[in-house]
Every structure is written in C-alpha cells, then in structure tokens.
Amino acid sequence: MYSAAITGTGVFIPTEIITNDELVVAFNAYADLWNTEHADEIAAGITEPKPHSSAEFIVNASGIERRHVLDKGGVLDPKRMFPRLAARADDDPSIMAEMALKAAEIALAEAGLTGADIDLVLCAASNHERAYPAIAVEVQSLIGAGGFAYDMNVACSSATFGIQTAVQMIKTGAVRRALMVNPEICSAHLEWRDRDCHFIFGDVCIAVVIERDESLARPHFKVLSTRCATQFSNNIRNNNGFLRRTHDQMDDRRDMQFMQNGRKVFKEVLPLVSQHIADHLTEEGVEASDLTRPWLHQANKTMNDYIGRKVLGRDPEPGEQPNILQDYANTSSAGSIIAFSQHSADLAAGEKGLICSFGAGYSAGSVIVQRG
C-alpha cells in the first residue's frame, strides 16, 4: 500500500463579476415585468405578485456579496435571466474542458509536473456538459495524460468524493498520479428568476493533483484519511435530464433547474455533517483541537458557522475557518477546495486540517490532511 499527497491546486476564475446590487436591479426589473404581465390575475387574487429582492436580504440570508460568471449579460437581462453561452463545434474544446485545462495548468505547475506525468483524470462536478464522451477523457487528451479518465457526479460533494477515489487508487498502486478537475457552471442550473435562490451560485473551476507520497521534497499535504457518506433526500433536486423529452416536459418548468427546501436542508444537513466530521476525527484518533484549519463547503455562512462551532466546540477564531463565498458565492463542489487552495500555504509542517463538502444526495465527504 502506498500513501497519497496533494501536491498542487489550481483555480480558474471567470473574469465577469455580478455584484448583489447589479443582481437585484435585474431581478426587480424582471419581477416588475412579470407583475405587469399578470396584473389581472394578481388583482383577482388568483396569483401572488413577485416580491422584490435586495442586497441586504441576500447578505443576511447567505453572506454572499458577489459572484463570478461565464456570462453576465444573459443573467442580468430581465427578459432572459440565464447565461448566453455560444454553441461549439464538436471539434472545439467543450466549455467545461476549457475551464478545466486552465485550472489544471496552474495545479500541475504548482506540483512541478506536466500532463504527461498524470495517469488518472477525474472530472467531478454537479453537472456535466454532455453525457458522452466524458469531459474527463477530453481533459486527458488536452493535457497529454496517459492512463484513463472518467466523469463522476456527487453534486456539491463531488470534489471530496473525487479525492477519495484518487487516493484509494493511488494507495492500491492502480495509478501513480491523478488530476481531479471540478468545472462548475452553476449559473446554468440556477433559476435566476426565483427570489429565494437567485443569488446562490457562481461559476469557477478547480483542479487538484494527487500523487504517491514517496520522499516528496516540494510542499505538499499528506492525505491521512478520507470519509464519504450518502443519504437519499429530495430536498435538493434538479429534474432536468435526458428523459425530459420522453415525458413531454420541454416547456419552461421550474423543477427543471436547481430547487431546494432550504429550511429542511438546514435542519437535516447541519447535524448530519457535524456528526460526519466528528465520527471521522474519532475514527482517526484526531482531536478537534489538533486541526489548524477546517476548509468547509461554501454554501452558506450561517451553515459553516454552525458546523464550525459543533466540530470545534467553540466559535472559530478569525481566519481559522476561512470563508470565500462572499466573493465567489456557492460554487458547488469547488468551494471547499478554493478555501483550501487560498488558505493553506501558511500551515507549518505537521499541522493538520480538514476539507469537507456536503450537499444534494444528501452527501458528505471529508479529507484529513497534514502539511508535509
């Protein structure tokens, strides 16, 4: 059996930014148009008017202040309210593969490797651009990697599940070095016309290089342990899929985009994830006080504050449990890795941390690492 280590991370960030103020202006204009169009039904009491949103409401509900997106214009068009992304020829790189390539180049450079050194590529994301060929195989080709590649989807936990998959293959000797990419185009599955969720997501791509821990001289994080768990729930759901046309449901249906029962998610996921982390630490003989830093899934500041208090037994100190969602919003599986990538360089040799993600499924994944 071999040991595994994270030797490089990379983050590709779209250049276009939508602030809360910009988002609210667009949403309120859409609401006004809708209310005007349905004025008779509203006056008759048949239909409720769409309420306005506000930047204050968004920050209080989530802690989010802005988000990066691939296309700002389409999202902020009150008559459209979703991204406008050009179709590509089959011979051109897909959008997800292009994002992954940019993140992968950063991660490989940090690891001191090239694509030719990689023998496993995983594309782990909450949505995939197409059913086949796998985006991971396309990325494998673009970076010049050998071995094999495949896609996987565990929604917001895709990154931690992907890390576990790569680590287990490295431990058994099946592969030597792996690249995991998480291209998340969340702006395309978000219902921007729903006040309760129109602010939640942003776009980004992360990449992680994982390899055998064999006398590594360069900075790295030893992967001490991984733990994954799932429990079925309908409280976070997206019904879109390849069977949609067979059900004669090609009309504009709300349930074909991201949906969640926020109150149930809070009530059920918070204790589930807190217990998941506590059990993982206990199994590995690691005390909460041994953790220099937890890097949590970036879905909601209130959720992270709660989990931090439950796991640590106290309020996290400033900077101890970094939040990045104020700048990126919820980026699905990429969030905890962005936090790790941007807030891990200061750990000293021997210090431990924990990466954790959670979301639809329900799913929860955690990775205990130690600075090498």
Protein backbone atom coordinates (compact mmCIF):
# COMPACT_ATOMS: atom_id res chain seq x y z
CA MET A 1 0.00 0.00 0.00
CA TYR A 2 1.17 3.49 -0.88
CA SER A 3 0.43 6.84 0.75
CA ALA A 4 -1.07 9.76 -1.13
CA ALA A 5 -0.49 13.51 -1.04
CA ILE A 6 -1.97 16.64 -2.56
CA THR A 7 0.86 18.40 -4.36
CA GLY A 8 -0.89 21.08 -6.37
CA THR A 9 -4.13 23.03 -6.67
CA GLY A 10 -5.35 25.45 -9.30
CA VAL A 11 -8.34 27.77 -9.57
CA PHE A 12 -9.76 29.20 -12.79
CA ILE A 13 -11.94 32.24 -12.11
CA PRO A 14 -14.16 33.79 -14.81
CA THR A 15 -13.47 37.49 -15.29
CA GLU A 16 -17.09 38.65 -15.25
CA ILE A 17 -18.48 39.59 -11.83
CA ILE A 18 -22.05 40.24 -10.72
CA THR A 19 -22.44 42.22 -7.51
CA ASN A 20 -25.50 41.91 -5.32
CA ASP A 21 -26.60 45.41 -6.32
CA GLU A 22 -26.42 44.54 -10.02
CA LEU A 23 -28.25 41.29 -9.47
CA VAL A 24 -31.03 42.97 -7.51
CA VAL A 25 -31.60 45.61 -10.18
CA ALA A 26 -32.02 42.89 -12.82
CA PHE A 27 -34.23 40.69 -10.65
CA ASN A 28 -36.50 43.54 -9.61
CA ALA A 29 -36.88 44.62 -13.24
CA TYR A 30 -37.86 41.04 -14.11
CA ALA A 31 -40.35 40.96 -11.20
CA ASP A 32 -41.92 44.22 -12.36
CA LEU A 33 -42.29 42.87 -15.90
CA TRP A 34 -43.87 39.66 -14.62
CA ASN A 35 -46.24 41.52 -12.29
CA THR A 36 -47.34 43.77 -15.13
CA GLU A 37 -47.93 40.80 -17.41
CA HIS A 38 -50.04 39.07 -14.73
CA ALA A 39 -51.72 42.18 -13.35
CA ASP A 40 -55.27 40.88 -13.88
CA GLU A 41 -54.59 37.59 -12.06
CA ILE A 42 -52.90 39.46 -9.23
CA ALA A 43 -55.81 41.90 -8.92
CA ALA A 44 -58.25 38.98 -8.83
CA GLY A 45 -56.29 37.31 -6.04
CA ILE A 46 -55.54 34.28 -8.21
CA THR A 47 -51.78 34.89 -8.33
CA GLU A 48 -49.38 36.39 -5.83
CA PRO A 49 -47.15 39.21 -7.10
CA LYS A 50 -43.43 38.53 -7.26
CA PRO A 51 -41.71 40.44 -4.45
CA HIS A 52 -38.54 42.49 -4.92
CA SER A 53 -35.15 41.31 -3.73
CA SER A 54 -32.50 43.43 -2.00
CA ALA A 55 -28.76 43.32 -1.41
CA GLU A 56 -29.40 43.37 2.34
CA PHE A 57 -31.67 40.32 2.05
CA ILE A 58 -29.00 38.42 0.10
CA VAL A 59 -26.19 39.13 2.56
CA ASN A 60 -28.35 38.30 5.57
CA ALA A 61 -29.55 35.07 4.01
CA SER A 62 -26.21 33.82 2.75
CA GLY A 63 -23.19 36.03 3.40
CA ILE A 64 -22.68 36.33 -0.37
CA GLU A 65 -21.62 39.70 -1.79
CA ARG A 66 -20.74 38.89 -5.40
CA ARG A 67 -20.17 36.00 -7.81
CA HIS A 68 -18.09 35.23 -10.92
CA VAL A 69 -19.96 34.02 -14.00
CA LEU A 70 -19.11 32.99 -17.55
CA ASP A 71 -21.74 35.33 -18.98
CA LYS A 72 -23.02 38.37 -17.14
CA GLY A 73 -25.18 39.87 -19.88
CA GLY A 74 -27.63 36.99 -20.19
CA VAL A 75 -28.08 36.66 -16.44
CA LEU A 76 -28.79 40.39 -15.99
CA ASP A 77 -31.21 40.62 -18.93
CA PRO A 78 -34.67 40.87 -17.25
CA LYS A 79 -36.24 39.23 -20.30
CA ARG A 80 -33.81 36.27 -20.23
CA MET A 81 -32.28 35.69 -16.76
CA PHE A 82 -29.83 32.93 -17.65
CA PRO A 83 -26.38 32.82 -19.30
CA ARG A 84 -25.87 33.12 -23.02
CA LEU A 85 -23.10 30.68 -23.99
CA ALA A 86 -22.29 30.09 -27.64
CA ALA A 87 -22.63 26.59 -29.05
CA ARG A 88 -19.33 24.99 -30.03
CA ALA A 89 -18.40 22.65 -32.84
CA ASP A 90 -17.69 19.07 -31.85
CA ASP A 91 -14.05 19.54 -32.78
CA ASP A 92 -13.65 22.55 -30.46
CA PRO A 93 -12.85 22.14 -26.75
CA SER A 94 -16.00 21.99 -24.65
CA ILE A 95 -16.60 24.84 -22.19
CA MET A 96 -16.03 22.59 -19.17
CA ALA A 97 -12.85 21.09 -20.62
CA GLU A 98 -11.52 24.56 -21.42
CA MET A 99 -12.14 25.71 -17.85
CA ALA A 100 -10.55 22.51 -16.52
CA LEU A 101 -7.48 22.97 -18.70
CA LYS A 102 -6.85 26.45 -17.29
CA ALA A 103 -7.16 25.25 -13.69
CA ALA A 104 -5.12 22.12 -14.42
CA GLU A 105 -2.21 24.11 -15.84
CA ILE A 106 -1.97 26.05 -12.57
CA ALA A 107 -2.19 22.91 -10.42
CA LEU A 108 0.36 20.99 -12.50
CA ALA A 109 2.80 23.90 -12.38
CA GLU A 110 2.47 24.06 -8.59
CA ALA A 111 3.13 20.32 -8.39
CA GLY A 112 6.13 20.60 -10.71
CA LEU A 113 4.56 18.19 -13.19
CA THR A 114 3.25 18.09 -16.75
CA GLY A 115 0.16 16.42 -18.13
CA ALA A 116 2.30 13.52 -19.32
CA ASP A 117 3.00 12.65 -15.65
CA ILE A 118 -0.71 12.02 -14.95
CA ASP A 119 -2.27 8.59 -15.37
CA LEU A 120 -5.77 9.25 -13.99
CA VAL A 121 -8.06 12.20 -14.74
CA LEU A 122 -11.34 12.64 -12.90
CA CYS A 123 -13.91 15.29 -13.80
CA ALA A 124 -16.08 15.57 -10.70
CA ALA A 125 -18.87 18.14 -10.89
CA SER A 126 -22.52 18.75 -10.04
CA ASN A 127 -23.47 18.98 -13.74
CA HIS A 128 -21.79 17.79 -16.91
CA GLU A 129 -21.95 19.49 -20.28
CA ARG A 130 -22.82 16.29 -22.10
CA ALA A 131 -23.44 12.64 -21.42
CA TYR A 132 -20.52 11.35 -23.50
CA PRO A 133 -17.73 11.30 -24.40
CA ALA A 134 -16.67 12.04 -20.83
CA ILE A 135 -15.35 15.53 -20.13
CA ALA A 136 -12.52 13.87 -18.19
CA VAL A 137 -11.37 11.99 -21.29
CA GLU A 138 -11.36 15.27 -23.21
CA VAL A 139 -9.25 16.89 -20.47
CA GLN A 140 -6.94 13.87 -20.53
CA SER A 141 -6.38 14.50 -24.24
CA LEU A 142 -5.89 18.25 -23.84
CA ILE A 143 -3.17 17.89 -21.19
CA GLY A 144 -1.49 14.90 -22.85
CA ALA A 145 -2.07 12.50 -19.97
CA GLY A 146 -1.88 8.72 -20.20
CA GLY A 147 -3.83 6.07 -18.32
CA PHE A 148 -7.57 6.57 -18.14
CA ALA A 149 -10.23 9.12 -17.23
CA TYR A 150 -13.90 9.32 -16.32
CA ASP A 151 -16.61 11.66 -15.05
CA MET A 152 -18.33 11.47 -11.68
CA ASN A 153 -21.13 13.40 -10.00
CA VAL A 154 -21.97 13.65 -6.31
CA ALA A 155 -23.31 17.20 -6.56
CA CYS A 156 -21.63 19.55 -4.07
CA SER A 157 -19.57 16.70 -2.60
CA SER A 158 -18.01 15.78 -5.94
CA ALA A 159 -14.57 17.15 -5.03
CA THR A 160 -14.12 15.26 -1.76
CA PHE A 161 -15.53 12.08 -3.29
CA GLY A 162 -13.16 12.60 -6.21
CA ILE A 163 -10.20 13.00 -3.88
CA GLN A 164 -11.15 9.80 -2.08
CA THR A 165 -11.42 7.94 -5.39
CA ALA A 166 -7.99 9.12 -6.50
CA VAL A 167 -6.42 8.42 -3.10
CA GLN A 168 -7.73 4.87 -3.00
CA MET A 169 -6.40 4.15 -6.49
CA ILE A 170 -3.02 5.55 -5.53
CA LYS A 171 -2.92 3.55 -2.31
CA THR A 172 -3.55 0.28 -4.14
CA GLY A 173 -0.97 1.05 -6.81
CA ALA A 174 -3.54 1.25 -9.63
CA VAL A 175 -2.27 4.73 -10.53
CA ARG A 176 0.70 6.87 -9.57
CA ARG A 177 -0.56 10.42 -10.14
CA ALA A 178 -4.06 11.77 -10.56
CA LEU A 179 -5.62 15.04 -11.63
CA MET A 180 -9.11 15.89 -10.43
CA VAL A 181 -10.93 18.83 -12.01
CA ASN A 182 -14.20 20.42 -10.91
CA PRO A 183 -15.60 22.73 -13.60
CA GLU A 184 -18.77 24.17 -12.10
CA ILE A 185 -21.02 26.23 -14.39
CA CYS A 186 -23.60 26.79 -11.68
CA SER A 187 -25.06 29.84 -13.42
CA ALA A 188 -26.60 27.48 -15.99
CA HIS A 189 -28.57 25.37 -13.48
CA LEU A 190 -29.65 28.22 -11.20
CA GLU A 191 -33.15 29.66 -11.50
CA TRP A 192 -32.28 33.36 -11.50
CA ARG A 193 -36.00 34.25 -11.51
CA ASP A 194 -36.62 32.80 -8.03
CA ARG A 195 -36.12 35.35 -5.24
CA ASP A 196 -35.34 32.65 -2.68
CA CYS A 197 -32.33 31.32 -4.58
CA HIS A 198 -31.41 33.78 -7.35
CA PHE A 199 -28.23 34.85 -5.56
CA ILE A 200 -26.78 31.50 -4.51
CA PHE A 201 -24.38 30.30 -7.20
CA GLY A 202 -21.33 31.36 -9.18
CA ASP A 203 -19.02 29.77 -11.78
CA VAL A 204 -15.46 28.55 -11.26
CA CYS A 205 -13.18 25.57 -11.87
CA ILE A 206 -10.64 23.98 -9.55
CA ALA A 207 -8.00 21.32 -10.13
CA VAL A 208 -6.16 19.11 -7.64
CA VAL A 209 -3.06 17.00 -8.24
CA ILE A 210 -2.79 13.91 -6.03
CA GLU A 211 0.19 11.56 -6.18
CA ARG A 212 2.17 8.94 -4.31
CA ASP A 213 3.84 10.31 -1.23
CA GLU A 214 7.32 8.98 -1.94
CA SER A 215 10.01 11.22 -0.44
CA LEU A 216 8.34 14.35 -1.80
CA ALA A 217 10.73 17.28 -1.38
CA ARG A 218 8.35 20.02 -2.54
CA PRO A 219 5.50 21.38 -0.37
CA HIS A 220 2.55 19.03 -0.12
CA PHE A 221 -0.28 17.83 2.09
CA LYS A 222 -0.30 14.19 3.12
CA VAL A 223 -3.77 12.69 2.86
CA LEU A 224 -4.18 10.96 6.22
CA SER A 225 -7.74 9.77 5.74
CA THR A 226 -10.91 10.20 3.67
CA ARG A 227 -14.52 9.51 4.57
CA CYS A 228 -17.67 9.67 2.43
CA ALA A 229 -21.34 9.13 3.21
CA THR A 230 -24.68 9.48 1.40
CA GLN A 231 -28.32 9.53 2.49
CA PHE A 232 -31.16 9.96 0.00
CA SER A 233 -33.19 13.16 0.13
CA ASN A 234 -35.35 15.14 -2.31
CA ASN A 235 -34.75 18.42 -0.52
CA ILE A 236 -32.10 19.49 -3.06
CA ARG A 237 -33.01 18.42 -6.56
CA ASN A 238 -32.71 19.14 -10.28
CA ASN A 239 -35.11 17.15 -12.50
CA ASN A 240 -33.55 18.01 -15.85
CA GLY A 241 -32.11 15.09 -17.78
CA PHE A 242 -32.07 13.05 -20.96
CA LEU A 243 -35.53 11.58 -20.31
CA ARG A 244 -37.16 15.01 -20.18
CA ARG A 245 -38.49 14.94 -23.74
CA THR A 246 -40.00 11.48 -23.20
CA HIS A 247 -42.25 12.95 -20.51
CA ASP A 248 -43.41 15.79 -22.81
CA GLN A 249 -41.92 18.31 -20.39
CA MET A 250 -39.94 20.56 -22.71
CA ASP A 251 -41.82 23.66 -21.53
CA ASP A 252 -40.34 26.19 -19.11
CA ARG A 253 -40.69 24.22 -15.88
CA ARG A 254 -39.42 25.45 -12.53
CA ASP A 255 -38.45 21.97 -11.37
CA MET A 256 -36.01 21.58 -14.27
CA GLN A 257 -33.50 23.87 -12.53
CA PHE A 258 -31.92 23.89 -9.08
CA MET A 259 -34.52 23.52 -6.35
CA GLN A 260 -34.18 23.18 -2.59
CA ASN A 261 -36.29 23.18 0.52
CA GLY A 262 -33.97 25.47 2.43
CA ARG A 263 -35.46 25.01 5.88
CA LYS A 264 -35.37 21.22 5.70
CA VAL A 265 -31.83 21.32 4.33
CA PHE A 266 -30.68 23.43 7.27
CA LYS A 267 -32.47 21.22 9.76
CA GLU A 268 -31.24 17.92 8.36
CA VAL A 269 -27.83 18.61 6.82
CA LEU A 270 -26.23 20.56 9.68
CA PRO A 271 -26.39 17.74 12.27
CA LEU A 272 -25.57 15.15 9.60
CA VAL A 273 -22.37 16.93 8.53
CA SER A 274 -21.32 17.86 12.06
CA GLN A 275 -21.65 14.21 13.15
CA HIS A 276 -19.90 13.03 9.98
CA ILE A 277 -16.85 15.15 10.78
CA ALA A 278 -16.87 14.19 14.47
CA ASP A 279 -17.02 10.48 13.62
CA HIS A 280 -14.23 10.83 11.06
CA LEU A 281 -11.95 12.54 13.56
CA THR A 282 -12.73 9.93 16.22
CA GLU A 283 -12.02 7.05 13.83
CA GLU A 284 -8.59 8.51 13.04
CA GLY A 285 -7.76 9.45 16.64
CA VAL A 286 -7.63 13.15 15.76
CA GLU A 287 -8.93 15.70 18.25
CA ALA A 288 -10.74 18.80 17.06
CA SER A 289 -8.01 20.78 18.81
CA ASP A 290 -5.47 19.09 16.50
CA LEU A 291 -6.98 20.84 13.47
CA THR A 292 -5.24 24.04 12.49
CA ARG A 293 -7.89 24.78 9.93
CA PRO A 294 -11.15 23.33 8.59
CA TRP A 295 -11.96 24.18 4.96
CA LEU A 296 -15.71 23.75 4.62
CA HIS A 297 -18.12 23.63 1.71
CA GLN A 298 -19.00 27.21 0.81
CA ALA A 299 -22.79 27.17 0.60
CA ASN A 300 -23.92 29.50 3.35
CA LYS A 301 -22.09 31.40 6.09
CA THR A 302 -24.65 30.52 8.76
CA MET A 303 -24.28 26.82 8.00
CA ASN A 304 -20.49 27.00 8.21
CA ASP A 305 -20.60 28.96 11.45
CA TYR A 306 -22.87 26.30 12.96
CA ILE A 307 -20.71 23.38 11.81
CA GLY A 308 -17.55 25.12 13.00
CA ARG A 309 -19.00 25.58 16.48
CA LYS A 310 -20.20 21.97 16.67
CA VAL A 311 -16.91 20.49 15.48
CA LEU A 312 -14.54 22.76 17.40
CA GLY A 313 -16.73 23.13 20.47
CA ARG A 314 -16.35 26.91 20.29
CA ASP A 315 -16.60 29.81 17.87
CA PRO A 316 -13.82 29.61 15.24
CA GLU A 317 -11.13 32.23 15.63
CA PRO A 318 -10.80 34.87 12.87
CA GLY A 319 -9.17 33.21 9.87
CA GLU A 320 -9.32 29.76 11.42
CA GLN A 321 -12.26 28.64 9.29
CA PRO A 322 -11.94 30.69 6.09
CA ASN A 323 -14.99 31.73 4.11
CA ILE A 324 -14.65 32.59 0.42
CA LEU A 325 -18.32 32.56 -0.56
CA GLN A 326 -18.63 36.33 -0.08
CA ASP A 327 -16.50 36.70 -3.23
CA TYR A 328 -17.45 33.56 -5.20
CA ALA A 329 -20.93 32.59 -3.89
CA ASN A 330 -21.72 28.88 -3.76
CA THR A 331 -19.57 27.16 -6.39
CA SER A 332 -20.90 23.69 -5.61
CA SER A 333 -18.11 21.10 -5.33
CA ALA A 334 -15.36 23.67 -5.87
CA GLY A 335 -15.95 25.81 -2.78
CA SER A 336 -14.05 23.86 -0.11
CA ILE A 337 -11.11 23.42 -2.49
CA ILE A 338 -10.97 27.15 -3.25
CA ALA A 339 -10.83 27.78 0.51
CA PHE A 340 -8.10 25.14 0.85
CA SER A 341 -6.11 26.48 -2.10
CA GLN A 342 -6.21 30.07 -0.91
CA HIS A 343 -5.82 29.48 2.83
CA SER A 344 -3.37 26.61 3.35
CA ALA A 345 0.10 27.91 2.47
CA ASP A 346 0.67 29.23 5.99
CA LEU A 347 0.35 25.82 7.68
CA ALA A 348 3.63 24.58 9.15
CA ALA A 349 4.97 21.05 8.68
CA GLY A 350 3.00 18.62 10.80
CA GLU A 351 -0.09 20.79 11.15
CA LYS A 352 -3.41 19.17 10.25
CA GLY A 353 -6.55 20.38 8.53
CA LEU A 354 -9.83 19.01 7.27
CA ILE A 355 -11.53 19.56 3.90
CA CYS A 356 -15.27 18.93 3.98
CA SER A 357 -18.05 19.26 1.43
CA PHE A 358 -21.73 18.42 1.62
CA GLY A 359 -24.88 18.85 -0.40
CA ALA A 360 -27.51 17.12 -2.53
CA GLY A 361 -27.90 13.43 -2.05
CA TYR A 362 -27.60 14.10 0.82
CA SER A 363 -23.85 13.62 0.58
CA ALA A 364 -20.91 14.47 2.79
CA GLY A 365 -17.20 13.96 2.23
CA SER A 366 -14.22 14.79 4.41
CA VAL A 367 -10.46 14.62 3.90
CA ILE A 368 -7.95 14.90 6.76
CA VAL A 369 -4.61 16.29 5.58
CA GLN A 370 -1.27 17.07 7.20
CA ARG A 371 1.32 19.53 5.97
CA GLY A 372 4.36 17.68 4.70
